[in-house]
Amino acid sequence: MKPQKNPQHITSKNVPDDWFTWRGKNTVEQELVARPSLSYWQDAWRRLRKNILAMSGLVFLILLILFAVFAPVFSPYEVDTGVLSEQYQPPSAEHWFGTDGLGRDVFTRTWYGARISLFVGFMAALIDVTIGIIWGGISGYKGGRTDNFMMRIIEILYGLPYLLVVILLLVVFKPSLFTIIVALTVTGWVGMARIVRGQVMQIKNYEFVLASKSFGTKTPRIIRKNLLPNSMGPIIVQMTLTVPSAIFAEAFLSFIGLGISSPNASWGVMANDSLGAILSGNWWTLFFPAFFISFTMFAFNVLGDGLQDALDPKLRK
């Protein structure tokens, strides 16, 4: 007995031509729906990786940190000890960056200077972020008289010349690494506080924050759990701009003699020591500290621009 044909059996001969096209589109749509969506940070990292310039800056900064940590350890030369008979040696296999006027290895001193510059930059940014988050978060969330009082203080500090305040503090107190960090952060946190305040004032009226208030959640917990996590994008971007500003400020202060003093290594100290040498043709003594100051600031700035685009929720697809 022959089996009966199934009248509902579908083949390419008894269906419209566009049926398979519709079927393919439907399958693709189902796969897109079934595919797990990316989180905010995963999507930001995906977009950041597409920014070649920002990723180049990130790679440069990672290599800079690794060399600053490990290069002096494996260097056979001391940072503050030189041989006068080897002064102003050009770059060679023995001295990769040459030597300075006291016969000290410029390669070793460059990476010790990177340690100081990066430490000052990251510490200043960390302190600015901590104070700015606390001050700006409370001001933006409380509002009213509290906000007015706290913002008047910020406006007073913002009106003070930043560089003048730093120089006065370094003149009054003994120049040291701790004094430089304190001087850079006395008024440096003001910009971060204003950014955090603006973000908190915008987010505090969202539904999930109002729901937390209705359940009786205390203010510190609302700021810590609801407001700050949704404000981290602008905060991270501001950090990437604060670090190079602090690095340049430290280099400038050391260059004019108000920061790190010789024989300690700092990019600013090395630039100051090489002013006389550059006139006699010993270009490498100034080239390498100036190169790393410039490219470190450039790397942080392009990384900050890339993060600003990657963390912008309006550009999320």
C-alpha atoms as a PDB file:
ATOM      1  CA  MET A   1       0.000   0.000   0.000  1.00  0.00           C
ATOM      2  CA  LYS A   2       1.477   3.341  -1.052  1.00  0.00           C
ATOM      3  CA  PRO A   3       1.795   6.001   1.610  1.00  0.00           C
ATOM      4  CA  GLN A   4      -0.350   9.010   0.964  1.00  0.00           C
ATOM      5  CA  LYS A   5       1.350  12.261   0.173  1.00  0.00           C
ATOM      6  CA  ASN A   6       1.184  14.890   2.840  1.00  0.00           C
ATOM      7  CA  PRO A   7      -0.653  17.829   1.290  1.00  0.00           C
ATOM      8  CA  GLN A   8       1.093  20.163   3.744  1.00  0.00           C
ATOM      9  CA  HIS A   9       4.571  19.052   2.694  1.00  0.00           C
ATOM     10  CA  ILE A  10       6.470  22.154   1.564  1.00  0.00           C
ATOM     11  CA  THR A  11       8.945  22.065  -1.285  1.00  0.00           C
ATOM     12  CA  SER A  12      10.575  24.668  -3.448  1.00  0.00           C
ATOM     13  CA  LYS A  13       8.002  23.938  -6.171  1.00  0.00           C
ATOM     14  CA  ASN A  14       4.790  24.656  -4.299  1.00  0.00           C
ATOM     15  CA  VAL A  15       5.693  27.806  -2.309  1.00  0.00           C
ATOM     16  CA  PRO A  16       6.098  31.409  -3.412  1.00  0.00           C
ATOM     17  CA  ASP A  17       9.549  32.564  -4.424  1.00  0.00           C
ATOM     18  CA  ASP A  18       9.885  35.026  -1.572  1.00  0.00           C
ATOM     19  CA  TRP A  19       8.983  32.456   1.095  1.00  0.00           C
ATOM     20  CA  PHE A  20      12.593  31.385   1.645  1.00  0.00           C
ATOM     21  CA  THR A  21      13.683  35.031   1.845  1.00  0.00           C
ATOM     22  CA  TRP A  22      11.094  35.661   4.541  1.00  0.00           C
ATOM     23  CA  ARG A  23      12.128  32.438   6.276  1.00  0.00           C
ATOM     24  CA  GLY A  24      15.772  33.558   6.320  1.00  0.00           C
ATOM     25  CA  LYS A  25      14.934  36.968   7.699  1.00  0.00           C
ATOM     26  CA  ASN A  26      12.765  35.432  10.374  1.00  0.00           C
ATOM     27  CA  THR A  27      15.586  33.072  11.394  1.00  0.00           C
ATOM     28  CA  VAL A  28      18.062  35.936  11.616  1.00  0.00           C
ATOM     29  CA  GLU A  29      15.649  37.953  13.739  1.00  0.00           C
ATOM     30  CA  GLN A  30      15.162  34.982  16.078  1.00  0.00           C
ATOM     31  CA  GLU A  31      18.904  34.568  16.427  1.00  0.00           C
ATOM     32  CA  LEU A  32      19.311  38.257  17.246  1.00  0.00           C
ATOM     33  CA  VAL A  33      16.582  38.028  19.872  1.00  0.00           C
ATOM     34  CA  ALA A  34      18.082  34.868  21.375  1.00  0.00           C
ATOM     35  CA  ARG A  35      21.613  36.303  21.427  1.00  0.00           C
ATOM     36  CA  PRO A  36      22.484  37.732  24.884  1.00  0.00           C
ATOM     37  CA  SER A  37      22.725  41.518  24.859  1.00  0.00           C
ATOM     38  CA  LEU A  38      25.953  43.218  25.845  1.00  0.00           C
ATOM     39  CA  SER A  39      26.181  45.082  29.110  1.00  0.00           C
ATOM     40  CA  TYR A  40      27.031  48.766  29.215  1.00  0.00           C
ATOM     41  CA  TRP A  41      30.710  48.148  29.976  1.00  0.00           C
ATOM     42  CA  GLN A  42      31.032  45.320  27.444  1.00  0.00           C
ATOM     43  CA  ASP A  43      29.580  47.521  24.745  1.00  0.00           C
ATOM     44  CA  ALA A  44      31.872  50.395  25.755  1.00  0.00           C
ATOM     45  CA  TRP A  45      34.918  48.128  25.537  1.00  0.00           C
ATOM     46  CA  ARG A  46      33.774  46.868  22.119  1.00  0.00           C
ATOM     47  CA  ARG A  47      33.497  50.408  20.802  1.00  0.00           C
ATOM     48  CA  LEU A  48      36.788  51.455  22.389  1.00  0.00           C
ATOM     49  CA  ARG A  49      38.606  48.627  20.626  1.00  0.00           C
ATOM     50  CA  LYS A  50      37.420  49.993  17.294  1.00  0.00           C
ATOM     51  CA  ASN A  51      39.133  53.318  18.022  1.00  0.00           C
ATOM     52  CA  ILE A  52      42.655  52.705  16.741  1.00  0.00           C
ATOM     53  CA  LEU A  53      44.096  55.950  18.089  1.00  0.00           C
ATOM     54  CA  ALA A  54      42.690  55.415  21.587  1.00  0.00           C
ATOM     55  CA  MET A  55      43.907  51.809  21.670  1.00  0.00           C
ATOM     56  CA  SER A  56      47.363  52.951  20.549  1.00  0.00           C
ATOM     57  CA  GLY A  57      47.427  55.375  23.469  1.00  0.00           C
ATOM     58  CA  LEU A  58      46.332  52.621  25.842  1.00  0.00           C
ATOM     59  CA  VAL A  59      49.056  50.259  24.603  1.00  0.00           C
ATOM     60  CA  PHE A  60      51.678  53.002  24.956  1.00  0.00           C
ATOM     61  CA  LEU A  61      50.604  53.716  28.553  1.00  0.00           C
ATOM     62  CA  ILE A  62      50.665  50.022  29.483  1.00  0.00           C
ATOM     63  CA  LEU A  63      54.178  49.648  28.064  1.00  0.00           C
ATOM     64  CA  LEU A  64      55.239  52.850  29.830  1.00  0.00           C
ATOM     65  CA  ILE A  65      54.036  51.540  33.183  1.00  0.00           C
ATOM     66  CA  LEU A  66      55.716  48.158  32.651  1.00  0.00           C
ATOM     67  CA  PHE A  67      59.032  49.761  31.705  1.00  0.00           C
ATOM     68  CA  ALA A  68      58.814  52.184  34.628  1.00  0.00           C
ATOM     69  CA  VAL A  69      58.333  49.271  37.024  1.00  0.00           C
ATOM     70  CA  PHE A  70      60.768  46.713  35.620  1.00  0.00           C
ATOM     71  CA  ALA A  71      63.369  48.535  33.493  1.00  0.00           C
ATOM     72  CA  PRO A  72      65.319  50.092  36.407  1.00  0.00           C
ATOM     73  CA  VAL A  73      65.390  46.699  38.134  1.00  0.00           C
ATOM     74  CA  PHE A  74      67.299  45.095  35.285  1.00  0.00           C
ATOM     75  CA  SER A  75      69.470  48.131  34.531  1.00  0.00           C
ATOM     76  CA  PRO A  76      73.121  47.722  35.615  1.00  0.00           C
ATOM     77  CA  TYR A  77      73.416  51.461  36.361  1.00  0.00           C
ATOM     78  CA  GLU A  78      72.378  53.481  39.391  1.00  0.00           C
ATOM     79  CA  VAL A  79      70.010  56.398  39.057  1.00  0.00           C
ATOM     80  CA  ASP A  80      72.193  58.906  40.955  1.00  0.00           C
ATOM     81  CA  THR A  81      75.673  57.496  40.316  1.00  0.00           C
ATOM     82  CA  GLY A  82      77.750  58.327  37.272  1.00  0.00           C
ATOM     83  CA  VAL A  83      81.244  58.080  35.877  1.00  0.00           C
ATOM     84  CA  LEU A  84      82.762  61.415  34.920  1.00  0.00           C
ATOM     85  CA  SER A  85      84.942  59.801  32.274  1.00  0.00           C
ATOM     86  CA  GLU A  86      81.737  58.688  30.479  1.00  0.00           C
ATOM     87  CA  GLN A  87      79.937  62.017  30.455  1.00  0.00           C
ATOM     88  CA  TYR A  88      77.914  62.957  27.381  1.00  0.00           C
ATOM     89  CA  GLN A  89      78.208  59.565  25.752  1.00  0.00           C
ATOM     90  CA  PRO A  90      75.806  59.333  22.771  1.00  0.00           C
ATOM     91  CA  PRO A  91      73.218  56.539  22.606  1.00  0.00           C
ATOM     92  CA  SER A  92      74.921  53.190  22.089  1.00  0.00           C
ATOM     93  CA  ALA A  93      74.602  49.504  22.921  1.00  0.00           C
ATOM     94  CA  GLU A  94      76.116  50.188  26.344  1.00  0.00           C
ATOM     95  CA  HIS A  95      74.015  53.264  27.142  1.00  0.00           C
ATOM     96  CA  TRP A  96      70.786  53.058  25.145  1.00  0.00           C
ATOM     97  CA  PHE A  97      69.812  56.681  25.813  1.00  0.00           C
ATOM     98  CA  GLY A  98      73.353  57.973  26.291  1.00  0.00           C
ATOM     99  CA  THR A  99      74.731  59.652  29.407  1.00  0.00           C
ATOM    100  CA  ASP A 100      74.392  63.134  30.905  1.00  0.00           C
ATOM    101  CA  GLY A 101      76.970  65.664  32.086  1.00  0.00           C
ATOM    102  CA  LEU A 102      77.780  63.643  35.209  1.00  0.00           C
ATOM    103  CA  GLY A 103      78.124  60.339  33.375  1.00  0.00           C
ATOM    104  CA  ARG A 104      74.770  59.016  34.595  1.00  0.00           C
ATOM    105  CA  ASP A 105      72.807  56.637  32.394  1.00  0.00           C
ATOM    106  CA  VAL A 106      69.894  58.539  30.810  1.00  0.00           C
ATOM    107  CA  PHE A 107      67.957  55.313  30.169  1.00  0.00           C
ATOM    108  CA  THR A 108      67.876  54.463  33.886  1.00  0.00           C
ATOM    109  CA  ARG A 109      67.050  58.014  34.922  1.00  0.00           C
ATOM    110  CA  THR A 110      64.251  58.227  32.344  1.00  0.00           C
ATOM    111  CA  TRP A 111      62.416  55.272  33.814  1.00  0.00           C
ATOM    112  CA  TYR A 112      62.943  56.414  37.378  1.00  0.00           C
ATOM    113  CA  GLY A 113      61.505  59.740  36.257  1.00  0.00           C
ATOM    114  CA  ALA A 114      58.548  57.870  34.759  1.00  0.00           C
ATOM    115  CA  ARG A 115      57.895  56.313  38.159  1.00  0.00           C
ATOM    116  CA  ILE A 116      57.716  59.718  39.827  1.00  0.00           C
ATOM    117  CA  SER A 117      55.643  61.312  37.078  1.00  0.00           C
ATOM    118  CA  LEU A 118      53.123  58.466  36.910  1.00  0.00           C
ATOM    119  CA  PHE A 119      52.890  58.251  40.695  1.00  0.00           C
ATOM    120  CA  VAL A 120      52.187  61.972  40.997  1.00  0.00           C
ATOM    121  CA  GLY A 121      49.674  61.854  38.139  1.00  0.00           C
ATOM    122  CA  PHE A 122      47.699  58.876  39.433  1.00  0.00           C
ATOM    123  CA  MET A 123      47.760  59.985  43.069  1.00  0.00           C
ATOM    124  CA  ALA A 124      46.582  63.485  42.163  1.00  0.00           C
ATOM    125  CA  ALA A 125      43.796  62.020  40.009  1.00  0.00           C
ATOM    126  CA  LEU A 126      42.776  59.579  42.766  1.00  0.00           C
ATOM    127  CA  ILE A 127      42.560  62.327  45.382  1.00  0.00           C
ATOM    128  CA  ASP A 128      40.680  64.619  42.997  1.00  0.00           C
ATOM    129  CA  VAL A 129      38.188  61.855  42.217  1.00  0.00           C
ATOM    130  CA  THR A 130      37.660  60.973  45.888  1.00  0.00           C
ATOM    131  CA  ILE A 131      37.051  64.537  47.052  1.00  0.00           C
ATOM    132  CA  GLY A 132      35.115  65.457  43.920  1.00  0.00           C
ATOM    133  CA  ILE A 133      32.759  62.485  44.197  1.00  0.00           C
ATOM    134  CA  ILE A 134      32.009  63.138  47.867  1.00  0.00           C
ATOM    135  CA  TRP A 135      31.565  66.897  47.489  1.00  0.00           C
ATOM    136  CA  GLY A 136      29.745  66.842  44.161  1.00  0.00           C
ATOM    137  CA  GLY A 137      27.565  63.876  45.097  1.00  0.00           C
ATOM    138  CA  ILE A 138      26.310  65.466  48.308  1.00  0.00           C
ATOM    139  CA  SER A 139      25.825  68.860  46.674  1.00  0.00           C
ATOM    140  CA  GLY A 140      23.899  67.517  43.710  1.00  0.00           C
ATOM    141  CA  TYR A 141      21.731  65.117  45.687  1.00  0.00           C
ATOM    142  CA  LYS A 142      20.803  67.410  48.563  1.00  0.00           C
ATOM    143  CA  GLY A 143      20.169  70.541  46.498  1.00  0.00           C
ATOM    144  CA  GLY A 144      18.627  73.654  48.046  1.00  0.00           C
ATOM    145  CA  ARG A 145      20.671  75.575  50.597  1.00  0.00           C
ATOM    146  CA  THR A 146      23.226  72.796  50.920  1.00  0.00           C
ATOM    147  CA  ASP A 147      23.919  72.914  47.209  1.00  0.00           C
ATOM    148  CA  ASN A 148      24.133  76.714  47.193  1.00  0.00           C
ATOM    149  CA  PHE A 149      26.578  76.790  50.114  1.00  0.00           C
ATOM    150  CA  MET A 150      28.824  74.062  48.699  1.00  0.00           C
ATOM    151  CA  MET A 151      28.818  75.576  45.205  1.00  0.00           C
ATOM    152  CA  ARG A 152      29.822  79.006  46.550  1.00  0.00           C
ATOM    153  CA  ILE A 153      32.897  77.400  48.084  1.00  0.00           C
ATOM    154  CA  ILE A 154      33.697  75.731  44.770  1.00  0.00           C
ATOM    155  CA  GLU A 155      33.340  79.033  42.935  1.00  0.00           C
ATOM    156  CA  ILE A 156      35.749  80.710  45.355  1.00  0.00           C
ATOM    157  CA  LEU A 157      38.338  77.954  44.879  1.00  0.00           C
ATOM    158  CA  TYR A 158      37.760  77.935  41.136  1.00  0.00           C
ATOM    159  CA  GLY A 159      38.510  81.650  40.973  1.00  0.00           C
ATOM    160  CA  LEU A 160      41.954  81.215  42.549  1.00  0.00           C
ATOM    161  CA  PRO A 161      44.829  80.924  40.035  1.00  0.00           C
ATOM    162  CA  TYR A 162      45.697  77.247  40.084  1.00  0.00           C
ATOM    163  CA  LEU A 163      49.380  77.555  39.281  1.00  0.00           C
ATOM    164  CA  LEU A 164      49.849  80.476  41.694  1.00  0.00           C
ATOM    165  CA  VAL A 165      48.373  78.457  44.567  1.00  0.00           C
ATOM    166  CA  VAL A 166      50.646  75.513  43.782  1.00  0.00           C
ATOM    167  CA  ILE A 167      53.763  77.700  43.631  1.00  0.00           C
ATOM    168  CA  LEU A 168      52.892  79.483  46.906  1.00  0.00           C
ATOM    169  CA  LEU A 169      52.422  76.182  48.720  1.00  0.00           C
ATOM    170  CA  LEU A 170      55.721  74.851  47.406  1.00  0.00           C
ATOM    171  CA  VAL A 171      57.490  78.048  48.451  1.00  0.00           C
ATOM    172  CA  VAL A 172      56.024  77.980  51.965  1.00  0.00           C
ATOM    173  CA  PHE A 173      56.588  74.262  52.539  1.00  0.00           C
ATOM    174  CA  LYS A 174      59.686  72.242  51.748  1.00  0.00           C
ATOM    175  CA  PRO A 175      59.500  70.875  48.196  1.00  0.00           C
ATOM    176  CA  SER A 176      58.961  67.127  48.224  1.00  0.00           C
ATOM    177  CA  LEU A 177      56.873  64.494  46.512  1.00  0.00           C
ATOM    178  CA  PHE A 178      54.193  64.716  49.206  1.00  0.00           C
ATOM    179  CA  THR A 179      54.101  68.522  49.008  1.00  0.00           C
ATOM    180  CA  ILE A 180      53.699  68.425  45.226  1.00  0.00           C
ATOM    181  CA  ILE A 181      50.741  66.034  45.454  1.00  0.00           C
ATOM    182  CA  VAL A 182      49.064  68.160  48.144  1.00  0.00           C
ATOM    183  CA  ALA A 183      49.645  71.346  46.155  1.00  0.00           C
ATOM    184  CA  LEU A 184      48.206  69.847  42.988  1.00  0.00           C
ATOM    185  CA  THR A 185      45.062  68.621  44.750  1.00  0.00           C
ATOM    186  CA  VAL A 186      44.218  71.691  46.865  1.00  0.00           C
ATOM    187  CA  THR A 187      42.041  73.104  44.105  1.00  0.00           C
ATOM    188  CA  GLY A 188      42.387  70.327  41.504  1.00  0.00           C
ATOM    189  CA  TRP A 189      39.265  68.484  42.694  1.00  0.00           C
ATOM    190  CA  VAL A 190      36.949  71.395  41.870  1.00  0.00           C
ATOM    191  CA  GLY A 191      36.403  70.369  38.246  1.00  0.00           C
ATOM    192  CA  MET A 192      35.599  66.798  39.230  1.00  0.00           C
ATOM    193  CA  ALA A 193      33.096  67.977  41.854  1.00  0.00           C
ATOM    194  CA  ARG A 194      31.233  70.092  39.292  1.00  0.00           C
ATOM    195  CA  ILE A 195      31.002  67.175  36.860  1.00  0.00           C
ATOM    196  CA  VAL A 196      29.740  64.783  39.542  1.00  0.00           C
ATOM    197  CA  ARG A 197      27.196  67.357  40.749  1.00  0.00           C
ATOM    198  CA  GLY A 198      25.785  67.789  37.261  1.00  0.00           C
ATOM    199  CA  GLN A 199      25.476  64.042  36.738  1.00  0.00           C
ATOM    200  CA  VAL A 200      23.839  63.466  40.132  1.00  0.00           C
ATOM    201  CA  MET A 201      21.317  66.265  39.613  1.00  0.00           C
ATOM    202  CA  GLN A 202      20.295  64.653  36.334  1.00  0.00           C
ATOM    203  CA  ILE A 203      20.100  61.060  37.563  1.00  0.00           C
ATOM    204  CA  LYS A 204      18.440  61.665  40.938  1.00  0.00           C
ATOM    205  CA  ASN A 205      15.056  62.228  39.255  1.00  0.00           C
ATOM    206  CA  TYR A 206      15.096  58.875  37.436  1.00  0.00           C
ATOM    207  CA  GLU A 207      12.486  56.276  38.317  1.00  0.00           C
ATOM    208  CA  PHE A 208      14.826  53.765  39.966  1.00  0.00           C
ATOM    209  CA  VAL A 209      16.212  56.462  42.291  1.00  0.00           C
ATOM    210  CA  LEU A 210      12.704  57.633  43.246  1.00  0.00           C
ATOM    211  CA  ALA A 211      11.768  54.008  43.894  1.00  0.00           C
ATOM    212  CA  SER A 212      14.719  53.630  46.268  1.00  0.00           C
ATOM    213  CA  LYS A 213      13.613  56.741  48.118  1.00  0.00           C
ATOM    214  CA  SER A 214      10.071  55.418  48.435  1.00  0.00           C
ATOM    215  CA  PHE A 215      11.412  52.234  50.079  1.00  0.00           C
ATOM    216  CA  GLY A 216      13.203  54.326  52.682  1.00  0.00           C
ATOM    217  CA  THR A 217      16.768  53.775  51.463  1.00  0.00           C
ATOM    218  CA  LYS A 218      19.248  56.049  53.183  1.00  0.00           C
ATOM    219  CA  THR A 219      21.007  58.800  51.265  1.00  0.00           C
ATOM    220  CA  PRO A 220      24.585  57.381  51.433  1.00  0.00           C
ATOM    221  CA  ARG A 221      23.368  54.064  50.018  1.00  0.00           C
ATOM    222  CA  ILE A 222      21.427  55.756  47.204  1.00  0.00           C
ATOM    223  CA  ILE A 223      24.507  57.762  46.231  1.00  0.00           C
ATOM    224  CA  ARG A 224      26.761  54.688  46.420  1.00  0.00           C
ATOM    225  CA  LYS A 225      24.473  52.164  44.742  1.00  0.00           C
ATOM    226  CA  ASN A 226      22.359  54.185  42.316  1.00  0.00           C
ATOM    227  CA  LEU A 227      23.912  57.521  41.482  1.00  0.00           C
ATOM    228  CA  LEU A 228      27.667  56.909  41.298  1.00  0.00           C
ATOM    229  CA  PRO A 229      27.577  53.733  39.141  1.00  0.00           C
ATOM    230  CA  ASN A 230      25.541  55.630  36.541  1.00  0.00           C
ATOM    231  CA  SER A 231      27.977  58.564  36.639  1.00  0.00           C
ATOM    232  CA  MET A 232      31.194  56.584  36.186  1.00  0.00           C
ATOM    233  CA  GLY A 233      31.500  57.340  32.478  1.00  0.00           C
ATOM    234  CA  PRO A 234      32.199  61.100  32.825  1.00  0.00           C
ATOM    235  CA  ILE A 235      34.248  60.437  35.966  1.00  0.00           C
ATOM    236  CA  ILE A 236      36.585  58.022  34.151  1.00  0.00           C
ATOM    237  CA  VAL A 237      36.959  60.418  31.239  1.00  0.00           C
ATOM    238  CA  GLN A 238      37.812  63.274  33.610  1.00  0.00           C
ATOM    239  CA  MET A 239      40.405  61.072  35.312  1.00  0.00           C
ATOM    240  CA  THR A 240      42.196  60.450  32.025  1.00  0.00           C
ATOM    241  CA  LEU A 241      42.457  64.218  31.590  1.00  0.00           C
ATOM    242  CA  THR A 242      43.541  64.885  35.186  1.00  0.00           C
ATOM    243  CA  VAL A 243      46.512  62.508  35.095  1.00  0.00           C
ATOM    244  CA  PRO A 244      48.393  64.208  32.204  1.00  0.00           C
ATOM    245  CA  SER A 245      47.692  67.641  33.695  1.00  0.00           C
ATOM    246  CA  ALA A 246      49.293  66.557  36.970  1.00  0.00           C
ATOM    247  CA  ILE A 247      52.244  64.972  35.134  1.00  0.00           C
ATOM    248  CA  PHE A 248      52.897  68.155  33.194  1.00  0.00           C
ATOM    249  CA  ALA A 249      52.508  70.293  36.322  1.00  0.00           C
ATOM    250  CA  GLU A 250      55.057  68.158  38.183  1.00  0.00           C
ATOM    251  CA  ALA A 251      57.488  68.325  35.259  1.00  0.00           C
ATOM    252  CA  PHE A 252      57.087  72.103  35.051  1.00  0.00           C
ATOM    253  CA  LEU A 253      57.572  72.610  38.799  1.00  0.00           C
ATOM    254  CA  SER A 254      60.657  70.377  38.793  1.00  0.00           C
ATOM    255  CA  PHE A 255      61.957  72.233  35.761  1.00  0.00           C
ATOM    256  CA  ILE A 256      61.814  75.605  37.532  1.00  0.00           C
ATOM    257  CA  GLY A 257      63.295  74.148  40.730  1.00  0.00           C
ATOM    258  CA  LEU A 258      60.164  73.929  42.913  1.00  0.00           C
ATOM    259  CA  GLY A 259      59.539  70.195  42.599  1.00  0.00           C
ATOM    260  CA  ILE A 260      61.792  67.170  42.720  1.00  0.00           C
ATOM    261  CA  SER A 261      65.413  68.246  43.127  1.00  0.00           C
ATOM    262  CA  SER A 262      68.557  66.670  41.712  1.00  0.00           C
ATOM    263  CA  PRO A 263      70.093  64.082  42.068  1.00  0.00           C
ATOM    264  CA  ASN A 264      66.649  62.490  42.161  1.00  0.00           C
ATOM    265  CA  ALA A 265      65.346  61.603  38.724  1.00  0.00           C
ATOM    266  CA  SER A 266      62.344  63.382  37.263  1.00  0.00           C
ATOM    267  CA  TRP A 267      61.500  64.287  33.698  1.00  0.00           C
ATOM    268  CA  GLY A 268      61.408  67.942  34.696  1.00  0.00           C
ATOM    269  CA  VAL A 269      64.756  67.712  36.518  1.00  0.00           C
ATOM    270  CA  MET A 270      66.329  65.961  33.530  1.00  0.00           C
ATOM    271  CA  ALA A 271      65.053  68.670  31.198  1.00  0.00           C
ATOM    272  CA  ASN A 272      66.455  71.361  33.468  1.00  0.00           C
ATOM    273  CA  ASP A 273      69.842  69.649  33.731  1.00  0.00           C
ATOM    274  CA  SER A 274      70.103  69.319  29.963  1.00  0.00           C
ATOM    275  CA  LEU A 275      69.526  72.971  29.053  1.00  0.00           C
ATOM    276  CA  GLY A 276      73.236  73.721  28.884  1.00  0.00           C
ATOM    277  CA  ALA A 277      74.053  70.438  27.198  1.00  0.00           C
ATOM    278  CA  ILE A 278      71.654  70.939  24.301  1.00  0.00           C
ATOM    279  CA  LEU A 279      73.602  74.010  23.202  1.00  0.00           C
ATOM    280  CA  SER A 280      76.747  71.899  22.815  1.00  0.00           C
ATOM    281  CA  GLY A 281      75.022  69.309  20.635  1.00  0.00           C
ATOM    282  CA  ASN A 282      74.210  66.693  23.282  1.00  0.00           C
ATOM    283  CA  TRP A 283      70.595  66.466  22.137  1.00  0.00           C
ATOM    284  CA  TRP A 284      69.771  63.117  23.736  1.00  0.00           C
ATOM    285  CA  THR A 285      69.854  64.526  27.267  1.00  0.00           C
ATOM    286  CA  LEU A 286      66.782  66.640  26.499  1.00  0.00           C
ATOM    287  CA  PHE A 287      65.163  64.587  23.754  1.00  0.00           C
ATOM    288  CA  PHE A 288      64.182  61.530  25.800  1.00  0.00           C
ATOM    289  CA  PRO A 289      62.536  63.261  28.809  1.00  0.00           C
ATOM    290  CA  ALA A 290      60.765  65.697  26.462  1.00  0.00           C
ATOM    291  CA  PHE A 291      59.653  62.822  24.240  1.00  0.00           C
ATOM    292  CA  PHE A 292      58.081  60.861  27.091  1.00  0.00           C
ATOM    293  CA  ILE A 293      56.413  63.938  28.585  1.00  0.00           C
ATOM    294  CA  SER A 294      54.844  64.785  25.233  1.00  0.00           C
ATOM    295  CA  PHE A 295      53.772  61.284  24.263  1.00  0.00           C
ATOM    296  CA  THR A 296      52.439  60.456  27.729  1.00  0.00           C
ATOM    297  CA  MET A 297      50.186  63.514  27.639  1.00  0.00           C
ATOM    298  CA  PHE A 298      49.182  62.705  24.056  1.00  0.00           C
ATOM    299  CA  ALA A 299      48.354  59.084  24.963  1.00  0.00           C
ATOM    300  CA  PHE A 300      46.186  60.100  27.915  1.00  0.00           C
ATOM    301  CA  ASN A 301      44.327  62.689  25.846  1.00  0.00           C
ATOM    302  CA  VAL A 302      43.536  60.372  22.922  1.00  0.00           C
ATOM    303  CA  LEU A 303      42.514  57.668  25.398  1.00  0.00           C
ATOM    304  CA  GLY A 304      40.239  60.148  27.129  1.00  0.00           C
ATOM    305  CA  ASP A 305      38.634  61.131  23.823  1.00  0.00           C
ATOM    306  CA  GLY A 306      38.122  57.469  22.964  1.00  0.00           C
ATOM    307  CA  LEU A 307      36.583  56.740  26.350  1.00  0.00           C
ATOM    308  CA  GLN A 308      34.280  59.721  26.005  1.00  0.00           C
ATOM    309  CA  ASP A 309      32.915  58.313  22.755  1.00  0.00           C
ATOM    310  CA  ALA A 310      32.780  54.739  24.049  1.00  0.00           C
ATOM    311  CA  LEU A 311      31.030  55.600  27.311  1.00  0.00           C
ATOM    312  CA  ASP A 312      28.484  57.956  25.761  1.00  0.00           C
ATOM    313  CA  PRO A 313      25.106  56.145  26.023  1.00  0.00           C
ATOM    314  CA  LYS A 314      23.727  58.223  23.145  1.00  0.00           C
ATOM    315  CA  LEU A 315      26.158  56.503  20.757  1.00  0.00           C
ATOM    316  CA  ARG A 316      25.294  53.014  21.919  1.00  0.00           C
ATOM    317  CA  LYS A 317      23.808  50.795  19.197  1.00  0.00           C
END
